[in-house]
């Protein structure tokens, strides 16, 4: 199985959720993150609007989800196709997951997802 870490602007979380529902992915975790990358952050106007401040760090949302190996490529393709509005739309990182356990049902592996 794979863990996908998907970092996107908060406005795209609904679209990510729709894609995961389409692929019958059981759950996801998301939270706000801050960081910097290669993209330029938009200026913020302060005071009476005459001064502008360009923040060093940007805001985004990180979605973490576990998916079975056979589904991972199609989910990634769908996310890239739907969310790639510009070059700074985000990132997807893919990790191998050795095992997963569902504590309540005591299932292991893909069935625990």
PDB file of N, CA and C in Angstrom:
ATOM      1  N   UNK A   1       0.842  -1.170   0.000  1.00  0.00           N
ATOM      2  CA  UNK A   1       0.000   0.000   0.000  1.00  0.00           C
ATOM      3  C   UNK A   1       0.886   1.232   0.000  1.00  0.00           C
ATOM      4  N   UNK A   2       0.293   2.356  -0.359  1.00  0.00           N
ATOM      5  CA  UNK A   2       1.025   3.622  -0.461  1.00  0.00           C
ATOM      6  C   UNK A   2       0.399   4.670   0.449  1.00  0.00           C
ATOM      7  N   UNK A   3       1.257   5.550   0.953  1.00  0.00           N
ATOM      8  CA  UNK A   3       0.778   6.753   1.634  1.00  0.00           C
ATOM      9  C   UNK A   3       1.033   7.913   0.698  1.00  0.00           C
ATOM     10  N   UNK A   4      -0.010   8.666   0.420  1.00  0.00           N
ATOM     11  CA  UNK A   4       0.111   9.858  -0.409  1.00  0.00           C
ATOM     12  C   UNK A   4       0.045  11.073   0.490  1.00  0.00           C
ATOM     13  N   UNK A   5       1.056  11.918   0.413  1.00  0.00           N
ATOM     14  CA  UNK A   5       1.034  13.225   1.065  1.00  0.00           C
ATOM     15  C   UNK A   5       0.791  14.241  -0.033  1.00  0.00           C
ATOM     16  N   UNK A   6      -0.347  14.889   0.004  1.00  0.00           N
ATOM     17  CA  UNK A   6      -0.772  15.812  -1.048  1.00  0.00           C
ATOM     18  C   UNK A   6      -0.814  17.205  -0.445  1.00  0.00           C
ATOM     19  N   UNK A   7       0.029  18.104  -0.950  1.00  0.00           N
ATOM     20  CA  UNK A   7       0.083  19.469  -0.435  1.00  0.00           C
ATOM     21  C   UNK A   7      -0.493  20.389  -1.502  1.00  0.00           C
ATOM     22  N   UNK A   8      -1.617  21.031  -1.181  1.00  0.00           N
ATOM     23  CA  UNK A   8      -2.340  21.870  -2.142  1.00  0.00           C
ATOM     24  C   UNK A   8      -2.885  23.104  -1.432  1.00  0.00           C
ATOM     25  N   UNK A   9      -3.286  24.129  -2.204  1.00  0.00           N
ATOM     26  CA  UNK A   9      -4.011  25.238  -1.584  1.00  0.00           C
ATOM     27  C   UNK A   9      -5.312  24.725  -0.960  1.00  0.00           C
ATOM     28  N   UNK A  10      -5.728  25.350   0.122  1.00  0.00           N
ATOM     29  CA  UNK A  10      -6.909  24.889   0.861  1.00  0.00           C
ATOM     30  C   UNK A  10      -8.155  24.805  -0.035  1.00  0.00           C
ATOM     31  N   UNK A  11      -8.242  25.670  -1.026  1.00  0.00           N
ATOM     32  CA  UNK A  11      -9.418  25.681  -1.901  1.00  0.00           C
ATOM     33  C   UNK A  11      -9.588  24.374  -2.672  1.00  0.00           C
ATOM     34  N   UNK A  12      -8.534  23.572  -2.801  1.00  0.00           N
ATOM     35  CA  UNK A  12      -8.601  22.342  -3.586  1.00  0.00           C
ATOM     36  C   UNK A  12      -8.918  21.103  -2.749  1.00  0.00           C
ATOM     37  N   UNK A  13      -9.062  21.246  -1.439  1.00  0.00           N
ATOM     38  CA  UNK A  13      -9.319  20.088  -0.581  1.00  0.00           C
ATOM     39  C   UNK A  13     -10.633  19.413  -0.963  1.00  0.00           C
ATOM     40  N   UNK A  14     -11.647  20.171  -1.307  1.00  0.00           N
ATOM     41  CA  UNK A  14     -12.924  19.588  -1.725  1.00  0.00           C
ATOM     42  C   UNK A  14     -12.777  18.736  -2.971  1.00  0.00           C
ATOM     43  N   UNK A  15     -11.981  19.194  -3.924  1.00  0.00           N
ATOM     44  CA  UNK A  15     -11.750  18.416  -5.146  1.00  0.00           C
ATOM     45  C   UNK A  15     -10.960  17.144  -4.845  1.00  0.00           C
ATOM     46  N   UNK A  16      -9.983  17.239  -3.956  1.00  0.00           N
ATOM     47  CA  UNK A  16      -9.227  16.049  -3.548  1.00  0.00           C
ATOM     48  C   UNK A  16     -10.175  15.047  -2.893  1.00  0.00           C
ATOM     49  N   UNK A  17     -11.041  15.525  -2.021  1.00  0.00           N
ATOM     50  CA  UNK A  17     -12.017  14.665  -1.354  1.00  0.00           C
ATOM     51  C   UNK A  17     -12.913  13.970  -2.376  1.00  0.00           C
ATOM     52  N   UNK A  18     -13.379  14.701  -3.388  1.00  0.00           N
ATOM     53  CA  UNK A  18     -14.227  14.102  -4.430  1.00  0.00           C
ATOM     54  C   UNK A  18     -13.492  12.998  -5.180  1.00  0.00           C
ATOM     55  N   UNK A  19     -12.221  13.228  -5.496  1.00  0.00           N
ATOM     56  CA  UNK A  19     -11.424  12.216  -6.199  1.00  0.00           C
ATOM     57  C   UNK A  19     -11.283  10.962  -5.336  1.00  0.00           C
ATOM     58  N   UNK A  20     -11.015  11.151  -4.048  1.00  0.00           N
ATOM     59  CA  UNK A  20     -10.858  10.007  -3.159  1.00  0.00           C
ATOM     60  C   UNK A  20     -12.171   9.241  -3.007  1.00  0.00           C
ATOM     61  N   UNK A  21     -13.302   9.952  -2.953  1.00  0.00           N
ATOM     62  CA  UNK A  21     -14.606   9.274  -2.924  1.00  0.00           C
ATOM     63  C   UNK A  21     -14.820   8.471  -4.199  1.00  0.00           C
ATOM     64  N   UNK A  22     -14.454   9.047  -5.335  1.00  0.00           N
ATOM     65  CA  UNK A  22     -14.614   8.369  -6.629  1.00  0.00           C
ATOM     66  C   UNK A  22     -13.871   7.032  -6.652  1.00  0.00           C
ATOM     67  N   UNK A  23     -12.728   6.978  -5.961  1.00  0.00           N
ATOM     68  CA  UNK A  23     -11.915   5.761  -5.924  1.00  0.00           C
ATOM     69  C   UNK A  23     -12.189   4.909  -4.683  1.00  0.00           C
ATOM     70  N   UNK A  24     -13.274   5.226  -3.956  1.00  0.00           N
ATOM     71  CA  UNK A  24     -13.693   4.473  -2.766  1.00  0.00           C
ATOM     72  C   UNK A  24     -12.604   4.399  -1.691  1.00  0.00           C
ATOM     73  N   UNK A  25     -11.863   5.481  -1.532  1.00  0.00           N
ATOM     74  CA  UNK A  25     -10.861   5.555  -0.466  1.00  0.00           C
ATOM     75  C   UNK A  25     -11.597   5.874   0.827  1.00  0.00           C
ATOM     76  N   UNK A  26     -11.336   5.080   1.855  1.00  0.00           N
ATOM     77  CA  UNK A  26     -12.110   5.140   3.086  1.00  0.00           C
ATOM     78  C   UNK A  26     -11.960   6.396   3.909  1.00  0.00           C
ATOM     79  N   UNK A  27     -10.786   6.969   3.998  1.00  0.00           N
ATOM     80  CA  UNK A  27     -10.615   8.123   4.859  1.00  0.00           C
ATOM     81  C   UNK A  27      -9.407   8.939   4.466  1.00  0.00           C
ATOM     82  N   UNK A  28      -9.329  10.118   5.042  1.00  0.00           N
ATOM     83  CA  UNK A  28      -8.179  10.989   4.796  1.00  0.00           C
ATOM     84  C   UNK A  28      -7.986  11.869   6.015  1.00  0.00           C
ATOM     85  N   UNK A  29      -6.769  12.363   6.155  1.00  0.00           N
ATOM     86  CA  UNK A  29      -6.440  13.304   7.213  1.00  0.00           C
ATOM     87  C   UNK A  29      -5.904  14.550   6.543  1.00  0.00           C
ATOM     88  N   UNK A  30      -6.322  15.730   7.006  1.00  0.00           N
ATOM     89  CA  UNK A  30      -5.741  16.944   6.436  1.00  0.00           C
ATOM     90  C   UNK A  30      -5.571  17.998   7.514  1.00  0.00           C
ATOM     91  N   UNK A  31      -4.585  18.854   7.283  1.00  0.00           N
ATOM     92  CA  UNK A  31      -4.309  19.922   8.228  1.00  0.00           C
ATOM     93  C   UNK A  31      -3.576  21.046   7.518  1.00  0.00           C
ATOM     94  N   UNK A  32      -3.620  22.231   8.110  1.00  0.00           N
ATOM     95  CA  UNK A  32      -2.954  23.396   7.539  1.00  0.00           C
ATOM     96  C   UNK A  32      -1.462  23.317   7.802  1.00  0.00           C
ATOM     97  N   UNK A  33      -0.689  23.667   6.787  1.00  0.00           N
ATOM     98  CA  UNK A  33       0.768  23.680   6.907  1.00  0.00           C
ATOM     99  C   UNK A  33       1.299  24.999   6.378  1.00  0.00           C
ATOM    100  N   UNK A  34       2.498  25.343   6.805  1.00  0.00           N
ATOM    101  CA  UNK A  34       3.188  26.524   6.310  1.00  0.00           C
ATOM    102  C   UNK A  34       4.537  26.089   5.783  1.00  0.00           C
ATOM    103  N   UNK A  35       5.026  26.780   4.789  1.00  0.00           N
ATOM    104  CA  UNK A  35       6.342  26.441   4.260  1.00  0.00           C
ATOM    105  C   UNK A  35       6.703  27.343   3.108  1.00  0.00           C
ATOM    106  N   UNK A  36       7.820  27.005   2.492  1.00  0.00           N
ATOM    107  CA  UNK A  36       8.231  27.767   1.327  1.00  0.00           C
ATOM    108  C   UNK A  36       8.709  26.805   0.264  1.00  0.00           C
ATOM    109  N   UNK A  37       8.596  27.244  -0.941  1.00  0.00           N
ATOM    110  CA  UNK A  37       9.057  26.472  -2.084  1.00  0.00           C
ATOM    111  C   UNK A  37       9.679  27.416  -3.080  1.00  0.00           C
ATOM    112  N   UNK A  38       9.654  27.004  -4.325  1.00  0.00           N
ATOM    113  CA  UNK A  38      10.232  27.841  -5.376  1.00  0.00           C
ATOM    114  C   UNK A  38       9.301  28.942  -5.846  1.00  0.00           C
ATOM    115  N   UNK A  39       8.013  28.789  -5.576  1.00  0.00           N
ATOM    116  CA  UNK A  39       7.056  29.774  -6.082  1.00  0.00           C
ATOM    117  C   UNK A  39       7.127  31.069  -5.274  1.00  0.00           C
ATOM    118  N   UNK A  40       6.724  32.145  -5.903  1.00  0.00           N
ATOM    119  CA  UNK A  40       6.681  33.452  -5.241  1.00  0.00           C
ATOM    120  C   UNK A  40       5.341  33.596  -4.530  1.00  0.00           C
ATOM    121  N   UNK A  41       5.377  34.087  -3.315  1.00  0.00           N
ATOM    122  CA  UNK A  41       4.144  34.341  -2.580  1.00  0.00           C
ATOM    123  C   UNK A  41       3.555  35.674  -3.018  1.00  0.00           C
ATOM    124  N   UNK A  42       2.249  35.767  -2.964  1.00  0.00           N
ATOM    125  CA  UNK A  42       1.552  36.991  -3.336  1.00  0.00           C
ATOM    126  C   UNK A  42       1.785  38.057  -2.273  1.00  0.00           C
ATOM    127  N   UNK A  43       1.948  39.334  -2.699  1.00  0.00           N
ATOM    128  CA  UNK A  43       2.143  40.391  -1.701  1.00  0.00           C
ATOM    129  C   UNK A  43       0.875  40.626  -0.878  1.00  0.00           C
ATOM    130  N   UNK A  44       1.070  40.999   0.379  1.00  0.00           N
ATOM    131  CA  UNK A  44      -0.024  41.362   1.275  1.00  0.00           C
ATOM    132  C   UNK A  44       0.088  42.859   1.524  1.00  0.00           C
ATOM    133  N   UNK A  45      -1.003  43.576   1.305  1.00  0.00           N
ATOM    134  CA  UNK A  45      -0.998  45.025   1.531  1.00  0.00           C
ATOM    135  C   UNK A  45      -1.368  45.301   2.979  1.00  0.00           C
ATOM    136  N   UNK A  46      -0.561  46.125   3.641  1.00  0.00           N
ATOM    137  CA  UNK A  46      -0.764  46.411   5.065  1.00  0.00           C
ATOM    138  C   UNK A  46      -1.004  47.902   5.263  1.00  0.00           C
ATOM    139  N   UNK A  47      -1.465  48.228   6.443  1.00  0.00           N
ATOM    140  CA  UNK A  47      -1.727  49.630   6.758  1.00  0.00           C
ATOM    141  C   UNK A  47      -2.900  50.140   5.947  1.00  0.00           C
ATOM    142  N   UNK A  48      -2.718  51.270   5.313  1.00  0.00           N
ATOM    143  CA  UNK A  48      -3.784  51.864   4.496  1.00  0.00           C
ATOM    144  C   UNK A  48      -3.732  51.371   3.057  1.00  0.00           C
ATOM    145  N   UNK A  49      -2.943  50.335   2.818  1.00  0.00           N
ATOM    146  CA  UNK A  49      -2.869  49.759   1.487  1.00  0.00           C
ATOM    147  C   UNK A  49      -1.729  50.287   0.652  1.00  0.00           C
ATOM    148  N   UNK A  50      -0.905  51.156   1.210  1.00  0.00           N
ATOM    149  CA  UNK A  50       0.194  51.721   0.435  1.00  0.00           C
ATOM    150  C   UNK A  50       1.487  50.919   0.610  1.00  0.00           C
ATOM    151  N   UNK A  51       1.593  50.163   1.689  1.00  0.00           N
ATOM    152  CA  UNK A  51       2.778  49.343   1.904  1.00  0.00           C
ATOM    153  C   UNK A  51       2.444  47.894   1.567  1.00  0.00           C
ATOM    154  N   UNK A  52       3.379  47.223   0.930  1.00  0.00           N
ATOM    155  CA  UNK A  52       3.148  45.807   0.674  1.00  0.00           C
ATOM    156  C   UNK A  52       4.255  44.980   1.305  1.00  0.00           C
ATOM    157  N   UNK A  53       3.845  43.798   1.725  1.00  0.00           N
ATOM    158  CA  UNK A  53       4.728  42.876   2.412  1.00  0.00           C
ATOM    159  C   UNK A  53       4.650  41.547   1.678  1.00  0.00           C
ATOM    160  N   UNK A  54       5.780  40.987   1.308  1.00  0.00           N
ATOM    161  CA  UNK A  54       5.799  39.691   0.642  1.00  0.00           C
ATOM    162  C   UNK A  54       6.268  38.664   1.672  1.00  0.00           C
ATOM    163  N   UNK A  55       5.353  37.784   2.101  1.00  0.00           N
ATOM    164  CA  UNK A  55       5.712  36.826   3.148  1.00  0.00           C
ATOM    165  C   UNK A  55       6.731  35.801   2.648  1.00  0.00           C
ATOM    166  N   UNK A  56       7.589  35.371   3.542  1.00  0.00           N
ATOM    167  CA  UNK A  56       8.595  34.355   3.217  1.00  0.00           C
ATOM    168  C   UNK A  56       7.955  32.974   3.087  1.00  0.00           C
ATOM    169  N   UNK A  57       6.908  32.729   3.885  1.00  0.00           N
ATOM    170  CA  UNK A  57       6.297  31.414   3.924  1.00  0.00           C
ATOM    171  C   UNK A  57       4.842  31.482   3.466  1.00  0.00           C
ATOM    172  N   UNK A  58       4.418  30.452   2.744  1.00  0.00           N
ATOM    173  CA  UNK A  58       3.050  30.379   2.264  1.00  0.00           C
ATOM    174  C   UNK A  58       2.227  29.389   3.074  1.00  0.00           C
ATOM    175  N   UNK A  59       0.916  29.463   2.907  1.00  0.00           N
ATOM    176  CA  UNK A  59      -0.015  28.562   3.583  1.00  0.00           C
ATOM    177  C   UNK A  59      -0.546  27.546   2.590  1.00  0.00           C
ATOM    178  N   UNK A  60      -0.731  26.324   3.043  1.00  0.00           N
ATOM    179  CA  UNK A  60      -1.293  25.271   2.206  1.00  0.00           C
ATOM    180  C   UNK A  60      -1.985  24.272   3.122  1.00  0.00           C
ATOM    181  N   UNK A  61      -2.581  23.253   2.517  1.00  0.00           N
ATOM    182  CA  UNK A  61      -3.198  22.168   3.267  1.00  0.00           C
ATOM    183  C   UNK A  61      -2.526  20.874   2.853  1.00  0.00           C
ATOM    184  N   UNK A  62      -2.210  20.050   3.835  1.00  0.00           N
ATOM    185  CA  UNK A  62      -1.597  18.751   3.565  1.00  0.00           C
ATOM    186  C   UNK A  62      -2.636  17.669   3.816  1.00  0.00           C
ATOM    187  N   UNK A  63      -2.865  16.843   2.800  1.00  0.00           N
ATOM    188  CA  UNK A  63      -3.794  15.720   2.882  1.00  0.00           C
ATOM    189  C   UNK A  63      -2.958  14.452   2.934  1.00  0.00           C
ATOM    190  N   UNK A  64      -3.219  13.598   3.911  1.00  0.00           N
ATOM    191  CA  UNK A  64      -2.543  12.312   4.012  1.00  0.00           C
ATOM    192  C   UNK A  64      -3.582  11.222   3.832  1.00  0.00           C
ATOM    193  N   UNK A  65      -3.263  10.248   2.975  1.00  0.00           N
ATOM    194  CA  UNK A  65      -4.206   9.173   2.705  1.00  0.00           C
ATOM    195  C   UNK A  65      -3.436   7.891   2.403  1.00  0.00           C
ATOM    196  N   UNK A  66      -3.997   6.762   2.833  1.00  0.00           N
ATOM    197  CA  UNK A  66      -3.438   5.455   2.501  1.00  0.00           C
ATOM    198  C   UNK A  66      -4.303   4.815   1.439  1.00  0.00           C
ATOM    199  N   UNK A  67      -3.647   4.279   0.391  1.00  0.00           N
ATOM    200  CA  UNK A  67      -4.378   3.661  -0.720  1.00  0.00           C
ATOM    201  C   UNK A  67      -3.695   2.352  -1.099  1.00  0.00           C
ATOM    202  N   UNK A  68      -4.461   1.392  -1.632  1.00  0.00           N
ATOM    203  CA  UNK A  68      -3.840   0.161  -2.130  1.00  0.00           C
ATOM    204  C   UNK A  68      -2.913   0.466  -3.315  1.00  0.00           C
ATOM    205  N   UNK A  69      -1.847  -0.306  -3.452  1.00  0.00           N
ATOM    206  CA  UNK A  69      -0.876  -0.099  -4.530  1.00  0.00           C
ATOM    207  C   UNK A  69      -1.514   0.031  -5.915  1.00  0.00           C
ATOM    208  N   UNK A  70      -2.436  -0.874  -6.296  1.00  0.00           N
ATOM    209  CA  UNK A  70      -2.975  -0.784  -7.666  1.00  0.00           C
ATOM    210  C   UNK A  70      -3.740   0.516  -7.956  1.00  0.00           C
ATOM    211  N   UNK A  71      -4.280   1.153  -6.917  1.00  0.00           N
ATOM    212  CA  UNK A  71      -5.059   2.378  -7.112  1.00  0.00           C
ATOM    213  C   UNK A  71      -4.213   3.638  -7.115  1.00  0.00           C
ATOM    214  N   UNK A  72      -3.028   3.580  -6.571  1.00  0.00           N
ATOM    215  CA  UNK A  72      -2.262   4.801  -6.314  1.00  0.00           C
ATOM    216  C   UNK A  72      -1.983   5.609  -7.583  1.00  0.00           C
ATOM    217  N   UNK A  73      -1.566   4.964  -8.652  1.00  0.00           N
ATOM    218  CA  UNK A  73      -1.218   5.692  -9.877  1.00  0.00           C
ATOM    219  C   UNK A  73      -2.433   6.419 -10.463  1.00  0.00           C
ATOM    220  N   UNK A  74      -3.584   5.766 -10.498  1.00  0.00           N
ATOM    221  CA  UNK A  74      -4.782   6.401 -11.047  1.00  0.00           C
ATOM    222  C   UNK A  74      -5.237   7.567 -10.185  1.00  0.00           C
ATOM    223  N   UNK A  75      -5.154   7.426  -8.864  1.00  0.00           N
ATOM    224  CA  UNK A  75      -5.522   8.523  -7.967  1.00  0.00           C
ATOM    225  C   UNK A  75      -4.591   9.704  -8.180  1.00  0.00           C
ATOM    226  N   UNK A  76      -3.300   9.442  -8.270  1.00  0.00           N
ATOM    227  CA  UNK A  76      -2.325  10.516  -8.511  1.00  0.00           C
ATOM    228  C   UNK A  76      -2.608  11.202  -9.834  1.00  0.00           C
ATOM    229  N   UNK A  77      -2.848  10.427 -10.885  1.00  0.00           N
ATOM    230  CA  UNK A  77      -3.154  11.013 -12.200  1.00  0.00           C
ATOM    231  C   UNK A  77      -4.391  11.902 -12.136  1.00  0.00           C
ATOM    232  N   UNK A  78      -5.443  11.437 -11.455  1.00  0.00           N
ATOM    233  CA  UNK A  78      -6.663  12.233 -11.334  1.00  0.00           C
ATOM    234  C   UNK A  78      -6.411  13.532 -10.575  1.00  0.00           C
ATOM    235  N   UNK A  79      -5.642  13.458  -9.496  1.00  0.00           N
ATOM    236  CA  UNK A  79      -5.342  14.663  -8.726  1.00  0.00           C
ATOM    237  C   UNK A  79      -4.555  15.650  -9.572  1.00  0.00           C
ATOM    238  N   UNK A  80      -3.543  15.161 -10.274  1.00  0.00           N
ATOM    239  CA  UNK A  80      -2.720  16.045 -11.112  1.00  0.00           C
ATOM    240  C   UNK A  80      -3.562  16.676 -12.219  1.00  0.00           C
ATOM    241  N   UNK A  81      -4.411  15.896 -12.859  1.00  0.00           N
ATOM    242  CA  UNK A  81      -5.230  16.422 -13.960  1.00  0.00           C
ATOM    243  C   UNK A  81      -6.253  17.449 -13.501  1.00  0.00           C
ATOM    244  N   UNK A  82      -6.833  17.249 -12.337  1.00  0.00           N
ATOM    245  CA  UNK A  82      -7.895  18.143 -11.884  1.00  0.00           C
ATOM    246  C   UNK A  82      -7.347  19.369 -11.163  1.00  0.00           C
ATOM    247  N   UNK A  83      -6.245  19.225 -10.454  1.00  0.00           N
ATOM    248  CA  UNK A  83      -5.770  20.332  -9.623  1.00  0.00           C
ATOM    249  C   UNK A  83      -4.643  21.149 -10.245  1.00  0.00           C
ATOM    250  N   UNK A  84      -4.108  20.764 -11.377  1.00  0.00           N
ATOM    251  CA  UNK A  84      -2.946  21.475 -11.923  1.00  0.00           C
ATOM    252  C   UNK A  84      -3.376  22.741 -12.666  1.00  0.00           C
ATOM    253  N   UNK A  85      -3.787  23.746 -11.911  1.00  0.00           N
ATOM    254  CA  UNK A  85      -4.202  25.011 -12.511  1.00  0.00           C
ATOM    255  C   UNK A  85      -3.002  25.893 -12.860  1.00  0.00           C
ATOM    256  N   UNK A  86      -1.919  25.751 -12.122  1.00  0.00           N
ATOM    257  CA  UNK A  86      -0.681  26.442 -12.463  1.00  0.00           C
ATOM    258  C   UNK A  86       0.478  25.679 -11.842  1.00  0.00           C
ATOM    259  N   UNK A  87       1.688  26.140 -12.071  1.00  0.00           N
ATOM    260  CA  UNK A  87       2.864  25.389 -11.627  1.00  0.00           C
ATOM    261  C   UNK A  87       3.021  25.373 -10.110  1.00  0.00           C
ATOM    262  N   UNK A  88       2.313  26.245  -9.401  1.00  0.00           N
ATOM    263  CA  UNK A  88       2.449  26.270  -7.939  1.00  0.00           C
ATOM    264  C   UNK A  88       1.252  25.639  -7.243  1.00  0.00           C
ATOM    265  N   UNK A  89       0.575  24.702  -7.904  1.00  0.00           N
ATOM    266  CA  UNK A  89      -0.625  24.095  -7.335  1.00  0.00           C
ATOM    267  C   UNK A  89      -0.340  23.174  -6.171  1.00  0.00           C
ATOM    268  N   UNK A  90       0.869  22.661  -6.043  1.00  0.00           N
ATOM    269  CA  UNK A  90       1.166  21.802  -4.910  1.00  0.00           C
ATOM    270  C   UNK A  90       2.125  20.693  -5.259  1.00  0.00           C
ATOM    271  N   UNK A  91       2.175  19.715  -4.365  1.00  0.00           N
ATOM    272  CA  UNK A  91       3.080  18.575  -4.499  1.00  0.00           C
ATOM    273  C   UNK A  91       2.371  17.321  -4.036  1.00  0.00           C
ATOM    274  N   UNK A  92       2.832  16.171  -4.559  1.00  0.00           N
ATOM    275  CA  UNK A  92       2.386  14.865  -4.076  1.00  0.00           C
ATOM    276  C   UNK A  92       3.643  14.054  -3.788  1.00  0.00           C
ATOM    277  N   UNK A  93       3.710  13.503  -2.580  1.00  0.00           N
ATOM    278  CA  UNK A  93       4.808  12.633  -2.205  1.00  0.00           C
ATOM    279  C   UNK A  93       4.231  11.246  -1.950  1.00  0.00           C
ATOM    280  N   UNK A  94       4.927  10.205  -2.421  1.00  0.00           N
ATOM    281  CA  UNK A  94       4.437   8.834  -2.324  1.00  0.00           C
ATOM    282  C   UNK A  94       5.413   8.017  -1.480  1.00  0.00           C
ATOM    283  N   UNK A  95       4.859   7.304  -0.490  1.00  0.00           N
ATOM    284  CA  UNK A  95       5.660   6.478   0.405  1.00  0.00           C
ATOM    285  C   UNK A  95       5.109   5.057   0.415  1.00  0.00           C
ATOM    286  N   UNK A  96       5.994   4.086   0.523  1.00  0.00           N
ATOM    287  CA  UNK A  96       5.567   2.710   0.721  1.00  0.00           C
ATOM    288  C   UNK A  96       5.191   2.514   2.185  1.00  0.00           C
ATOM    289  N   UNK A  97       4.086   1.818   2.420  1.00  0.00           N
ATOM    290  CA  UNK A  97       3.647   1.489   3.774  1.00  0.00           C
ATOM    291  C   UNK A  97       3.734  -0.027   3.912  1.00  0.00           C
ATOM    292  N   UNK A  98       4.453  -0.477   4.910  1.00  0.00           N
ATOM    293  CA  UNK A  98       4.684  -1.907   5.085  1.00  0.00           C
ATOM    294  C   UNK A  98       3.426  -2.608   5.588  1.00  0.00           C
ATOM    295  N   UNK A  99       2.798  -2.052   6.619  1.00  0.00           N
ATOM    296  CA  UNK A  99       1.591  -2.646   7.165  1.00  0.00           C
ATOM    297  C   UNK A  99       0.685  -1.578   7.729  1.00  0.00           C
ATOM    298  N   UNK A 100      -0.601  -1.916   7.805  1.00  0.00           N
ATOM    299  CA  UNK A 100      -1.587  -1.048   8.452  1.00  0.00           C
ATOM    300  C   UNK A 100      -2.493  -1.933   9.300  1.00  0.00           C
ATOM    301  N   UNK A 101      -2.915  -1.408  10.437  1.00  0.00           N
ATOM    302  CA  UNK A 101      -3.785  -2.145  11.359  1.00  0.00           C
ATOM    303  C   UNK A 101      -5.002  -1.297  11.677  1.00  0.00           C
ATOM    304  N   UNK A 102      -6.169  -1.904  11.650  1.00  0.00           N
ATOM    305  CA  UNK A 102      -7.376  -1.262  12.155  1.00  0.00           C
ATOM    306  C   UNK A 102      -7.599  -1.800  13.560  1.00  0.00           C
ATOM    307  N   UNK A 103      -7.466  -0.948  14.544  1.00  0.00           N
ATOM    308  CA  UNK A 103      -7.516  -1.396  15.935  1.00  0.00           C
ATOM    309  C   UNK A 103      -8.893  -1.941  16.301  1.00  0.00           C
ATOM    310  N   UNK A 104      -9.956  -1.287  15.816  1.00  0.00           N
ATOM    311  CA  UNK A 104     -11.298  -1.708  16.184  1.00  0.00           C
ATOM    312  C   UNK A 104     -11.695  -3.053  15.608  1.00  0.00           C
ATOM    313  N   UNK A 105     -11.387  -3.275  14.325  1.00  0.00           N
ATOM    314  CA  UNK A 105     -11.785  -4.520  13.680  1.00  0.00           C
ATOM    315  C   UNK A 105     -10.685  -5.572  13.698  1.00  0.00           C
ATOM    316  N   UNK A 106      -9.477  -5.158  14.104  1.00  0.00           N
ATOM    317  CA  UNK A 106      -8.316  -6.042  14.160  1.00  0.00           C
ATOM    318  C   UNK A 106      -7.924  -6.582  12.794  1.00  0.00           C
ATOM    319  N   UNK A 107      -8.262  -5.846  11.730  1.00  0.00           N
ATOM    320  CA  UNK A 107      -7.850  -6.251  10.392  1.00  0.00           C
ATOM    321  C   UNK A 107      -6.466  -5.690  10.097  1.00  0.00           C
ATOM    322  N   UNK A 108      -5.795  -6.346   9.156  1.00  0.00           N
ATOM    323  CA  UNK A 108      -4.411  -5.982   8.818  1.00  0.00           C
ATOM    324  C   UNK A 108      -4.301  -5.824   7.297  1.00  0.00           C
ATOM    325  N   UNK A 109      -3.396  -4.938   6.879  1.00  0.00           N
ATOM    326  CA  UNK A 109      -3.111  -4.767   5.448  1.00  0.00           C
ATOM    327  C   UNK A 109      -4.161  -3.927   4.752  1.00  0.00           C
ATOM    328  N   UNK A 110      -4.385  -4.217   3.463  1.00  0.00           N
ATOM    329  CA  UNK A 110      -5.339  -3.437   2.661  1.00  0.00           C
ATOM    330  C   UNK A 110      -6.743  -3.462   3.235  1.00  0.00           C
ATOM    331  N   UNK A 111      -7.135  -4.556   3.892  1.00  0.00           N
ATOM    332  CA  UNK A 111      -8.487  -4.622   4.472  1.00  0.00           C
ATOM    333  C   UNK A 111      -8.639  -3.653   5.642  1.00  0.00           C
ATOM    334  N   UNK A 112      -7.524  -3.228   6.226  1.00  0.00           N
ATOM    335  CA  UNK A 112      -7.583  -2.261   7.323  1.00  0.00           C
ATOM    336  C   UNK A 112      -7.849  -0.850   6.818  1.00  0.00           C
ATOM    337  N   UNK A 113      -7.678  -0.639   5.534  1.00  0.00           N
ATOM    338  CA  UNK A 113      -7.918   0.675   4.973  1.00  0.00           C
ATOM    339  C   UNK A 113      -9.387   0.967   4.917  1.00  0.00           C
TER     340      UNK A 113
END
